[in-house]
Amino acid sequence: MLIDKLNIILNSNDEFSPKYVISLFVKNNLNDIPTMSIDAIALSCHTSKSQISKYVKSLGYETMKDFKVACLDNISSIERTNKTLFSLQKNIENQFIDFTSNIINELYFTIKHIDEVKLLKLINDIKNSQRIFVYGHGHARTLCSYIQNELSTKQKETIICDVDFENEYNFKDSDLLLIMSINGDTFYFNKRVIHHILKCPVNTWLMSCKNDISFPKNYLYIPTTNIKYNDYLLRHVIDFILMY
């Protein structure tokens, strides 16, 4: 996903480098980029049109049109995952109690409706795998880092796959690939990547709160009743899995 690519550049480049400057501008003006001309973008970034074109291609987009479509996809994804913000003008204690009560109710719903057989199988597959590969983008990529950190304390080798899944991973029979897609956005915006992943000869699991994903390999669905709590519920299930 575009936002992941931008964050990688911002985290690994000097703040005065052209890639950093352009990436920061794109990230801060994501809503405006689709309607801006390449001249306007270049002028805003104090660089040339050719430099912008080179930058767009370095991100994996053939044309500016493809790049702008990616911006629109990210905007749509953010709108779909935005949560209702609490207000400092309201009673903090009441808001905290309401939030906690809602989470608890969701947890009980998840416990009651999750497929325990699949949950146990995933736990065993993780325990019995020599290496764990994790893939996700957007909010899910944070969960990938969390899984990697937690499994490292168990001396379990864990690799976070690149967001475009372009690196060559030499999977072995003892490996496991875990795909994290909180709301199923990966299957909406990254169909090419998913198609590529499904061809990989490796034990593959998907964890998602989206219940109607067509996925031919192992799939642990995390049942919820309210989409705005999905990432909390998925994190809780991950915490439970990592306790074993």
C-alpha atoms as a PDB file:
ATOM      1  CA  MET A   1       0.000   0.000   0.000  1.00  0.00           C
ATOM      2  CA  LEU A   2       1.249   3.506  -0.837  1.00  0.00           C
ATOM      3  CA  ILE A   3       1.303   4.796   2.745  1.00  0.00           C
ATOM      4  CA  ASP A   4       3.612   1.928   3.757  1.00  0.00           C
ATOM      5  CA  LYS A   5       6.013   2.768   0.937  1.00  0.00           C
ATOM      6  CA  LEU A   6       6.033   6.426   1.997  1.00  0.00           C
ATOM      7  CA  ASN A   7       6.734   5.525   5.627  1.00  0.00           C
ATOM      8  CA  ILE A   8       9.626   3.254   4.620  1.00  0.00           C
ATOM      9  CA  ILE A   9      11.215   6.115   2.639  1.00  0.00           C
ATOM     10  CA  LEU A  10      10.648   8.622   5.447  1.00  0.00           C
ATOM     11  CA  ASN A  11      12.189   6.243   7.987  1.00  0.00           C
ATOM     12  CA  SER A  12      15.256   5.386   5.915  1.00  0.00           C
ATOM     13  CA  ASN A  13      16.266   8.553   4.031  1.00  0.00           C
ATOM     14  CA  ASP A  14      17.892  11.834   4.966  1.00  0.00           C
ATOM     15  CA  GLU A  15      15.305  14.582   5.453  1.00  0.00           C
ATOM     16  CA  PHE A  16      16.956  16.730   2.788  1.00  0.00           C
ATOM     17  CA  SER A  17      17.019  14.016   0.108  1.00  0.00           C
ATOM     18  CA  PRO A  18      14.625  14.425  -2.855  1.00  0.00           C
ATOM     19  CA  LYS A  19      12.833  11.133  -2.075  1.00  0.00           C
ATOM     20  CA  TYR A  20      12.210  12.240   1.507  1.00  0.00           C
ATOM     21  CA  VAL A  21      10.943  15.684   0.477  1.00  0.00           C
ATOM     22  CA  ILE A  22       8.580  14.276  -2.164  1.00  0.00           C
ATOM     23  CA  SER A  23       7.363  11.482   0.131  1.00  0.00           C
ATOM     24  CA  LEU A  24       6.630  13.917   2.944  1.00  0.00           C
ATOM     25  CA  PHE A  25       4.699  16.194   0.586  1.00  0.00           C
ATOM     26  CA  VAL A  26       2.666  13.283  -0.796  1.00  0.00           C
ATOM     27  CA  LYS A  27       1.874  11.953   2.675  1.00  0.00           C
ATOM     28  CA  ASN A  28       0.794  15.375   3.943  1.00  0.00           C
ATOM     29  CA  ASN A  29      -1.265  16.141   0.837  1.00  0.00           C
ATOM     30  CA  LEU A  30      -2.691  12.738  -0.035  1.00  0.00           C
ATOM     31  CA  ASN A  31      -6.188  14.154  -0.593  1.00  0.00           C
ATOM     32  CA  ASP A  32      -4.936  16.777  -3.051  1.00  0.00           C
ATOM     33  CA  ILE A  33      -2.493  14.708  -5.118  1.00  0.00           C
ATOM     34  CA  PRO A  34      -5.164  13.044  -7.353  1.00  0.00           C
ATOM     35  CA  THR A  35      -6.253  16.465  -8.708  1.00  0.00           C
ATOM     36  CA  MET A  36      -2.777  18.034  -8.939  1.00  0.00           C
ATOM     37  CA  SER A  37      -0.792  18.214 -12.170  1.00  0.00           C
ATOM     38  CA  ILE A  38       2.737  16.851 -12.253  1.00  0.00           C
ATOM     39  CA  ASP A  39       3.920  20.456 -12.689  1.00  0.00           C
ATOM     40  CA  ALA A  40       2.159  21.518  -9.494  1.00  0.00           C
ATOM     41  CA  ILE A  41       3.594  18.586  -7.548  1.00  0.00           C
ATOM     42  CA  ALA A  42       7.101  19.315  -8.836  1.00  0.00           C
ATOM     43  CA  LEU A  43       6.754  23.013  -7.973  1.00  0.00           C
ATOM     44  CA  SER A  44       5.527  22.187  -4.461  1.00  0.00           C
ATOM     45  CA  CYS A  45       8.474  19.841  -3.903  1.00  0.00           C
ATOM     46  CA  HIS A  46      10.990  22.300  -5.409  1.00  0.00           C
ATOM     47  CA  THR A  47      12.076  19.775  -8.009  1.00  0.00           C
ATOM     48  CA  SER A  48      11.548  18.914 -11.682  1.00  0.00           C
ATOM     49  CA  LYS A  49       8.850  17.001 -13.541  1.00  0.00           C
ATOM     50  CA  SER A  50      11.397  14.360 -14.534  1.00  0.00           C
ATOM     51  CA  GLN A  51      12.345  13.883 -10.872  1.00  0.00           C
ATOM     52  CA  ILE A  52       8.676  13.344  -9.971  1.00  0.00           C
ATOM     53  CA  SER A  53       8.279  10.837 -12.801  1.00  0.00           C
ATOM     54  CA  LYS A  54      11.396   9.000 -11.661  1.00  0.00           C
ATOM     55  CA  TYR A  55      10.088   8.976  -8.087  1.00  0.00           C
ATOM     56  CA  VAL A  56       6.700   7.577  -9.146  1.00  0.00           C
ATOM     57  CA  LYS A  57       8.374   4.748 -11.081  1.00  0.00           C
ATOM     58  CA  SER A  58      10.644   3.994  -8.107  1.00  0.00           C
ATOM     59  CA  LEU A  59       7.490   3.279  -6.089  1.00  0.00           C
ATOM     60  CA  GLY A  60       6.403   0.706  -8.675  1.00  0.00           C
ATOM     61  CA  TYR A  61       3.854   2.780 -10.624  1.00  0.00           C
ATOM     62  CA  GLU A  62       4.178   2.945 -14.403  1.00  0.00           C
ATOM     63  CA  THR A  63       2.342   6.247 -14.843  1.00  0.00           C
ATOM     64  CA  MET A  64       1.149   9.257 -12.856  1.00  0.00           C
ATOM     65  CA  LYS A  65      -2.385   7.949 -13.369  1.00  0.00           C
ATOM     66  CA  ASP A  66      -1.486   4.701 -11.584  1.00  0.00           C
ATOM     67  CA  PHE A  67       0.124   6.718  -8.787  1.00  0.00           C
ATOM     68  CA  LYS A  68      -2.972   8.897  -8.373  1.00  0.00           C
ATOM     69  CA  VAL A  69      -5.194   5.809  -8.282  1.00  0.00           C
ATOM     70  CA  ALA A  70      -3.018   4.489  -5.450  1.00  0.00           C
ATOM     71  CA  CYS A  71      -3.554   7.788  -3.610  1.00  0.00           C
ATOM     72  CA  LEU A  72      -7.322   7.439  -4.026  1.00  0.00           C
ATOM     73  CA  ASP A  73      -7.147   3.850  -2.751  1.00  0.00           C
ATOM     74  CA  ASN A  74      -5.330   5.016   0.374  1.00  0.00           C
ATOM     75  CA  ILE A  75      -7.826   7.819   0.967  1.00  0.00           C
ATOM     76  CA  SER A  76     -10.678   5.319   0.682  1.00  0.00           C
ATOM     77  CA  SER A  77      -8.922   2.914   3.050  1.00  0.00           C
ATOM     78  CA  ILE A  78      -8.392   5.635   5.663  1.00  0.00           C
ATOM     79  CA  GLU A  79     -12.056   6.624   5.448  1.00  0.00           C
ATOM     80  CA  ARG A  80     -13.098   2.991   5.924  1.00  0.00           C
ATOM     81  CA  THR A  81     -10.898   2.494   9.004  1.00  0.00           C
ATOM     82  CA  ASN A  82     -11.244   5.859  10.759  1.00  0.00           C
ATOM     83  CA  LYS A  83     -12.689   5.537  14.227  1.00  0.00           C
ATOM     84  CA  THR A  84     -15.051   7.936  15.963  1.00  0.00           C
ATOM     85  CA  LEU A  85     -12.903  10.341  17.935  1.00  0.00           C
ATOM     86  CA  PHE A  86     -13.628  11.013  21.578  1.00  0.00           C
ATOM     87  CA  SER A  87     -14.229  14.586  22.674  1.00  0.00           C
ATOM     88  CA  LEU A  88     -12.364  16.466  25.393  1.00  0.00           C
ATOM     89  CA  GLN A  89     -15.559  18.468  25.828  1.00  0.00           C
ATOM     90  CA  LYS A  90     -17.298  15.390  27.229  1.00  0.00           C
ATOM     91  CA  ASN A  91     -16.764  13.526  30.501  1.00  0.00           C
ATOM     92  CA  ILE A  92     -13.547  11.492  30.176  1.00  0.00           C
ATOM     93  CA  GLU A  93     -14.567   8.863  32.724  1.00  0.00           C
ATOM     94  CA  ASN A  94     -17.884   8.173  30.999  1.00  0.00           C
ATOM     95  CA  GLN A  95     -16.184   7.890  27.624  1.00  0.00           C
ATOM     96  CA  PHE A  96     -13.601   5.497  29.068  1.00  0.00           C
ATOM     97  CA  ILE A  97     -16.319   3.351  30.677  1.00  0.00           C
ATOM     98  CA  ASP A  98     -18.324   3.242  27.445  1.00  0.00           C
ATOM     99  CA  PHE A  99     -15.259   2.340  25.397  1.00  0.00           C
ATOM    100  CA  THR A 100     -14.214  -0.399  27.843  1.00  0.00           C
ATOM    101  CA  SER A 101     -17.736  -1.837  28.027  1.00  0.00           C
ATOM    102  CA  ASN A 102     -17.959  -1.985  24.249  1.00  0.00           C
ATOM    103  CA  ILE A 103     -14.615  -3.756  23.995  1.00  0.00           C
ATOM    104  CA  ILE A 104     -15.637  -6.299  26.645  1.00  0.00           C
ATOM    105  CA  ASN A 105     -18.910  -6.999  24.846  1.00  0.00           C
ATOM    106  CA  GLU A 106     -17.034  -7.467  21.590  1.00  0.00           C
ATOM    107  CA  LEU A 107     -14.568  -9.817  23.274  1.00  0.00           C
ATOM    108  CA  TYR A 108     -17.375 -12.022  24.571  1.00  0.00           C
ATOM    109  CA  PHE A 109     -18.924 -12.083  21.106  1.00  0.00           C
ATOM    110  CA  THR A 110     -15.584 -13.101  19.579  1.00  0.00           C
ATOM    111  CA  ILE A 111     -15.011 -15.820  22.178  1.00  0.00           C
ATOM    112  CA  LYS A 112     -18.470 -17.267  21.564  1.00  0.00           C
ATOM    113  CA  HIS A 113     -18.304 -17.272  17.758  1.00  0.00           C
ATOM    114  CA  ILE A 114     -14.662 -17.885  16.824  1.00  0.00           C
ATOM    115  CA  ASP A 115     -13.817 -21.266  15.278  1.00  0.00           C
ATOM    116  CA  GLU A 116     -11.893 -22.938  18.124  1.00  0.00           C
ATOM    117  CA  VAL A 117     -10.668 -25.774  15.907  1.00  0.00           C
ATOM    118  CA  LYS A 118      -9.015 -23.353  13.497  1.00  0.00           C
ATOM    119  CA  LEU A 119      -7.696 -21.261  16.387  1.00  0.00           C
ATOM    120  CA  LEU A 120      -6.023 -24.313  17.912  1.00  0.00           C
ATOM    121  CA  LYS A 121      -4.622 -25.358  14.529  1.00  0.00           C
ATOM    122  CA  LEU A 122      -3.057 -21.933  13.981  1.00  0.00           C
ATOM    123  CA  ILE A 123      -1.506 -22.012  17.460  1.00  0.00           C
ATOM    124  CA  ASN A 124      -0.014 -25.446  16.770  1.00  0.00           C
ATOM    125  CA  ASP A 125       1.213 -24.441  13.308  1.00  0.00           C
ATOM    126  CA  ILE A 126       3.005 -21.422  14.761  1.00  0.00           C
ATOM    127  CA  LYS A 127       4.549 -23.512  17.536  1.00  0.00           C
ATOM    128  CA  ASN A 128       5.710 -26.190  15.105  1.00  0.00           C
ATOM    129  CA  SER A 129       7.036 -23.880  12.381  1.00  0.00           C
ATOM    130  CA  GLN A 130      10.735 -23.156  12.229  1.00  0.00           C
ATOM    131  CA  ARG A 131      10.306 -19.704  10.674  1.00  0.00           C
ATOM    132  CA  ILE A 132       7.331 -17.338  10.601  1.00  0.00           C
ATOM    133  CA  PHE A 133       6.791 -14.903   7.734  1.00  0.00           C
ATOM    134  CA  VAL A 134       4.235 -12.153   8.353  1.00  0.00           C
ATOM    135  CA  TYR A 135       2.636  -9.858   5.792  1.00  0.00           C
ATOM    136  CA  GLY A 136       0.381  -6.847   6.177  1.00  0.00           C
ATOM    137  CA  HIS A 137       0.017  -3.212   5.201  1.00  0.00           C
ATOM    138  CA  GLY A 138      -1.395  -0.094   6.826  1.00  0.00           C
ATOM    139  CA  HIS A 139      -2.572  -0.717  10.399  1.00  0.00           C
ATOM    140  CA  ALA A 140      -1.872  -4.426  10.009  1.00  0.00           C
ATOM    141  CA  ARG A 141       1.831  -3.760   9.447  1.00  0.00           C
ATOM    142  CA  THR A 142       2.075  -2.532  13.042  1.00  0.00           C
ATOM    143  CA  LEU A 143       0.709  -5.910  14.122  1.00  0.00           C
ATOM    144  CA  CYS A 144       3.390  -7.608  12.021  1.00  0.00           C
ATOM    145  CA  SER A 145       6.103  -5.767  13.954  1.00  0.00           C
ATOM    146  CA  TYR A 146       4.404  -6.683  17.227  1.00  0.00           C
ATOM    147  CA  ILE A 147       4.296 -10.369  16.273  1.00  0.00           C
ATOM    148  CA  GLN A 148       7.947 -10.257  15.258  1.00  0.00           C
ATOM    149  CA  ASN A 149       8.975  -8.698  18.585  1.00  0.00           C
ATOM    150  CA  GLU A 150       6.943 -11.160  20.648  1.00  0.00           C
ATOM    151  CA  LEU A 151       8.117 -14.247  18.773  1.00  0.00           C
ATOM    152  CA  SER A 152      11.742 -13.126  19.026  1.00  0.00           C
ATOM    153  CA  THR A 153      11.505 -13.575  22.802  1.00  0.00           C
ATOM    154  CA  LYS A 154      10.657 -17.225  22.086  1.00  0.00           C
ATOM    155  CA  GLN A 155      13.700 -17.528  19.790  1.00  0.00           C
ATOM    156  CA  LYS A 156      11.368 -17.987  16.835  1.00  0.00           C
ATOM    157  CA  GLU A 157      12.810 -16.523  13.625  1.00  0.00           C
ATOM    158  CA  THR A 158      10.253 -14.079  12.227  1.00  0.00           C
ATOM    159  CA  ILE A 159      10.485 -12.157   8.942  1.00  0.00           C
ATOM    160  CA  ILE A 160       8.239  -9.251   7.932  1.00  0.00           C
ATOM    161  CA  CYS A 161       7.616  -9.460   4.179  1.00  0.00           C
ATOM    162  CA  ASP A 162       7.985  -6.332   2.059  1.00  0.00           C
ATOM    163  CA  VAL A 163       4.728  -4.510   1.307  1.00  0.00           C
ATOM    164  CA  ASP A 164       4.810  -5.367  -2.413  1.00  0.00           C
ATOM    165  CA  PHE A 165       5.920  -8.946  -1.780  1.00  0.00           C
ATOM    166  CA  GLU A 166       8.613  -8.535  -4.415  1.00  0.00           C
ATOM    167  CA  ASN A 167      11.525 -10.062  -2.502  1.00  0.00           C
ATOM    168  CA  GLU A 168      12.390 -13.682  -3.185  1.00  0.00           C
ATOM    169  CA  TYR A 169      11.547 -15.753  -0.113  1.00  0.00           C
ATOM    170  CA  ASN A 170      12.942 -19.275  -0.120  1.00  0.00           C
ATOM    171  CA  PHE A 171      10.134 -20.978   1.748  1.00  0.00           C
ATOM    172  CA  LYS A 172      10.725 -24.352   3.356  1.00  0.00           C
ATOM    173  CA  ASP A 173       8.277 -27.046   4.409  1.00  0.00           C
ATOM    174  CA  SER A 174       8.770 -26.021   8.035  1.00  0.00           C
ATOM    175  CA  ASP A 175       7.848 -22.344   7.405  1.00  0.00           C
ATOM    176  CA  LEU A 176       4.570 -20.521   7.948  1.00  0.00           C
ATOM    177  CA  LEU A 177       3.272 -17.394   6.205  1.00  0.00           C
ATOM    178  CA  LEU A 178       0.785 -15.347   8.233  1.00  0.00           C
ATOM    179  CA  ILE A 179      -1.255 -12.672   6.431  1.00  0.00           C
ATOM    180  CA  MET A 180      -2.798  -9.925   8.566  1.00  0.00           C
ATOM    181  CA  SER A 181      -5.745  -8.040   7.025  1.00  0.00           C
ATOM    182  CA  ILE A 182      -7.870  -6.364   9.683  1.00  0.00           C
ATOM    183  CA  ASN A 183     -10.809  -5.286   7.520  1.00  0.00           C
ATOM    184  CA  GLY A 184      -9.935  -7.192   4.347  1.00  0.00           C
ATOM    185  CA  ASP A 185      -8.501  -4.122   2.605  1.00  0.00           C
ATOM    186  CA  THR A 186      -5.535  -6.158   1.352  1.00  0.00           C
ATOM    187  CA  PHE A 187      -7.934  -8.158  -0.817  1.00  0.00           C
ATOM    188  CA  TYR A 188      -9.569  -4.977  -2.086  1.00  0.00           C
ATOM    189  CA  PHE A 189      -6.500  -2.891  -2.914  1.00  0.00           C
ATOM    190  CA  ASN A 190      -3.695  -5.460  -3.339  1.00  0.00           C
ATOM    191  CA  LYS A 191      -5.165  -8.224  -5.488  1.00  0.00           C
ATOM    192  CA  ARG A 192      -1.908  -8.644  -7.430  1.00  0.00           C
ATOM    193  CA  VAL A 193       0.031  -9.218  -4.220  1.00  0.00           C
ATOM    194  CA  ILE A 194      -2.502 -11.730  -2.900  1.00  0.00           C
ATOM    195  CA  HIS A 195      -2.445 -13.602  -6.207  1.00  0.00           C
ATOM    196  CA  HIS A 196       1.338 -13.814  -5.938  1.00  0.00           C
ATOM    197  CA  ILE A 197       1.205 -14.934  -2.294  1.00  0.00           C
ATOM    198  CA  LEU A 198      -1.263 -17.719  -3.043  1.00  0.00           C
ATOM    199  CA  LYS A 199       1.181 -19.237  -5.521  1.00  0.00           C
ATOM    200  CA  CYS A 200       3.860 -19.579  -2.823  1.00  0.00           C
ATOM    201  CA  PRO A 201       4.458 -23.204  -1.726  1.00  0.00           C
ATOM    202  CA  VAL A 202       4.192 -22.536   1.996  1.00  0.00           C
ATOM    203  CA  ASN A 203       1.722 -23.191   4.826  1.00  0.00           C
ATOM    204  CA  THR A 204      -0.329 -19.964   4.653  1.00  0.00           C
ATOM    205  CA  TRP A 205      -2.752 -18.488   7.164  1.00  0.00           C
ATOM    206  CA  LEU A 206      -4.978 -15.430   6.948  1.00  0.00           C
ATOM    207  CA  MET A 207      -6.262 -13.600  10.029  1.00  0.00           C
ATOM    208  CA  SER A 208      -9.031 -11.083   9.384  1.00  0.00           C
ATOM    209  CA  CYS A 209     -12.235  -9.627  10.820  1.00  0.00           C
ATOM    210  CA  LYS A 210     -13.748  -9.673   7.321  1.00  0.00           C
ATOM    211  CA  ASN A 211     -16.063 -12.671   7.067  1.00  0.00           C
ATOM    212  CA  ASP A 212     -16.650 -13.012   3.322  1.00  0.00           C
ATOM    213  CA  ILE A 213     -13.119 -13.225   1.938  1.00  0.00           C
ATOM    214  CA  SER A 214     -12.597 -15.903  -0.688  1.00  0.00           C
ATOM    215  CA  PHE A 215      -9.350 -17.469   0.525  1.00  0.00           C
ATOM    216  CA  PRO A 216      -8.408 -21.024  -0.530  1.00  0.00           C
ATOM    217  CA  LYS A 217      -5.848 -21.604   2.227  1.00  0.00           C
ATOM    218  CA  ASN A 218      -6.100 -21.506   6.051  1.00  0.00           C
ATOM    219  CA  TYR A 219      -8.325 -18.663   7.247  1.00  0.00           C
ATOM    220  CA  LEU A 220      -9.043 -17.668  10.859  1.00  0.00           C
ATOM    221  CA  TYR A 221     -11.985 -15.305  10.897  1.00  0.00           C
ATOM    222  CA  ILE A 222     -12.208 -13.034  13.949  1.00  0.00           C
ATOM    223  CA  PRO A 223     -15.946 -12.385  14.521  1.00  0.00           C
ATOM    224  CA  THR A 224     -16.959  -8.868  15.595  1.00  0.00           C
ATOM    225  CA  THR A 225     -20.167  -6.827  15.549  1.00  0.00           C
ATOM    226  CA  ASN A 226     -18.699  -3.350  15.021  1.00  0.00           C
ATOM    227  CA  ILE A 227     -15.969  -2.626  12.475  1.00  0.00           C
ATOM    228  CA  LYS A 228     -14.442   0.222  14.510  1.00  0.00           C
ATOM    229  CA  TYR A 229     -13.297  -2.302  17.131  1.00  0.00           C
ATOM    230  CA  ASN A 230     -11.804  -4.768  14.668  1.00  0.00           C
ATOM    231  CA  ASP A 231      -8.163  -3.908  15.228  1.00  0.00           C
ATOM    232  CA  TYR A 232      -8.579  -4.180  19.030  1.00  0.00           C
ATOM    233  CA  LEU A 233     -10.195  -7.617  18.710  1.00  0.00           C
ATOM    234  CA  LEU A 234      -7.590  -8.879  16.270  1.00  0.00           C
ATOM    235  CA  ARG A 235      -4.793  -7.681  18.559  1.00  0.00           C
ATOM    236  CA  HIS A 236      -6.419  -9.476  21.492  1.00  0.00           C
ATOM    237  CA  VAL A 237      -6.594 -12.766  19.583  1.00  0.00           C
ATOM    238  CA  ILE A 238      -2.952 -12.335  18.573  1.00  0.00           C
ATOM    239  CA  ASP A 239      -1.999 -11.790  22.214  1.00  0.00           C
ATOM    240  CA  PHE A 240      -3.850 -14.989  23.129  1.00  0.00           C
ATOM    241  CA  ILE A 241      -2.098 -16.967  20.364  1.00  0.00           C
ATOM    242  CA  LEU A 242       1.324 -15.680  21.383  1.00  0.00           C
ATOM    243  CA  MET A 243       0.860 -16.847  24.957  1.00  0.00           C
ATOM    244  CA  TYR A 244       1.450 -20.459  23.858  1.00  0.00           C
END
